[in-house]
Amino acid sequence: MINWSTDEKAFKKKYPKEYKLWRLTQLINYGLDGEKLSEKEVKAAWPKIKDRLDPYARRAIEFLIWGKIYSLPNNLTFWNLSSKISK
């Protein structure tokens, strides 16, 4: 993954712990680009990164790692709300 808005070398050198969390969050939110995630690393960083993740990606990871099954938000908007209520 290439990030054009961040100097990754300087970030990694100056803040190695924060860099690992940032990098893991970036990989989950914007695609792995052929890389693989370490389940152990994701579990260890989960309390710190879960609020920074895309909600759908977060729930997919929760299902894959911990087997949590619950419904995703139903995405109701003003425009499709009336058809849902009348049924």
Protein backbone atom coordinates (compact mmCIF):
# COMPACT_ATOMS: atom_id res chain seq x y z
CA MET A 1 0.00 0.00 0.00
CA ILE A 2 1.33 3.41 -0.93
CA ASN A 3 0.34 6.38 1.19
CA TRP A 4 1.16 9.63 -0.55
CA SER A 5 0.07 11.95 2.30
CA THR A 6 2.30 10.55 5.06
CA ASP A 7 6.07 10.29 5.34
CA GLU A 8 6.04 6.67 6.48
CA LYS A 9 9.79 6.38 7.02
CA ALA A 10 9.91 9.35 9.40
CA PHE A 11 6.70 8.27 11.13
CA LYS A 12 8.01 4.73 11.63
CA LYS A 13 11.34 5.97 12.96
CA LYS A 14 9.92 8.59 15.33
CA TYR A 15 6.79 6.76 16.58
CA PRO A 16 7.15 3.00 16.00
CA LYS A 17 4.19 1.88 18.17
CA GLU A 18 1.80 4.45 16.72
CA TYR A 19 3.04 3.59 13.23
CA LYS A 20 2.11 -0.08 13.68
CA LEU A 21 -1.43 0.87 14.76
CA TRP A 22 -1.80 3.40 11.96
CA ARG A 23 -0.51 0.94 9.36
CA LEU A 24 -2.85 -1.81 10.54
CA THR A 25 -5.80 0.58 10.42
CA GLN A 26 -4.84 1.75 6.92
CA LEU A 27 -4.53 -1.82 5.65
CA ILE A 28 -7.95 -2.80 6.99
CA ASN A 29 -9.75 0.35 5.83
CA TYR A 30 -8.16 0.79 2.40
CA GLY A 31 -7.21 -2.72 1.31
CA LEU A 32 -4.41 -5.16 1.91
CA ASP A 33 -2.95 -4.95 -1.61
CA GLY A 34 -1.70 -8.52 -1.46
CA GLU A 35 -0.48 -8.39 2.14
CA LYS A 36 -1.81 -10.67 4.88
CA LEU A 37 -2.89 -9.65 8.35
CA SER A 38 -1.62 -11.43 11.42
CA GLU A 39 -4.55 -12.59 13.56
CA LYS A 40 -2.38 -12.27 16.65
CA GLU A 41 -1.44 -8.69 15.77
CA VAL A 42 -5.06 -7.71 15.04
CA LYS A 43 -6.25 -9.21 18.36
CA ALA A 44 -3.53 -7.39 20.30
CA ALA A 45 -4.27 -4.03 18.66
CA TRP A 46 -8.07 -4.43 18.56
CA PRO A 47 -8.99 -2.25 21.59
CA LYS A 48 -6.96 0.62 20.16
CA ILE A 49 -7.97 0.40 16.49
CA LYS A 50 -11.59 -0.77 16.49
CA ASP A 51 -13.06 2.75 16.73
CA ARG A 52 -10.95 3.94 13.76
CA LEU A 53 -12.17 1.24 11.39
CA ASP A 54 -14.92 1.31 8.82
CA PRO A 55 -18.01 -0.12 10.59
CA TYR A 56 -18.54 -2.84 7.98
CA ALA A 57 -14.88 -3.86 8.00
CA ARG A 58 -14.92 -3.89 11.80
CA ARG A 59 -17.93 -6.20 11.89
CA ALA A 60 -16.46 -8.48 9.25
CA ILE A 61 -13.26 -8.83 11.28
CA GLU A 62 -15.26 -9.43 14.47
CA PHE A 63 -17.07 -12.24 12.66
CA LEU A 64 -13.91 -13.76 11.20
CA ILE A 65 -11.87 -13.67 14.40
CA TRP A 66 -14.40 -14.03 17.19
CA GLY A 67 -17.45 -15.39 15.35
CA LYS A 68 -19.73 -12.55 16.47
CA ILE A 69 -22.94 -12.61 14.46
CA TYR A 70 -25.28 -9.65 14.54
CA SER A 71 -27.10 -7.65 11.92
CA LEU A 72 -25.56 -4.69 10.22
CA PRO A 73 -27.39 -1.36 10.30
CA ASN A 74 -30.37 -1.29 7.99
CA ASN A 75 -29.29 2.00 6.35
CA LEU A 76 -32.70 3.65 6.46
CA THR A 77 -32.86 7.10 4.97
CA PHE A 78 -35.69 9.56 4.62
CA TRP A 79 -36.31 8.48 1.01
CA ASN A 80 -36.82 4.77 1.65
CA LEU A 81 -38.24 5.00 5.16
CA SER A 82 -41.93 5.36 4.15
CA SER A 83 -41.94 2.10 2.15
CA LYS A 84 -40.51 0.22 5.15
CA ILE A 85 -43.12 1.60 7.56
CA SER A 86 -46.19 0.92 5.41
CA LYS A 87 -45.48 -2.83 5.12
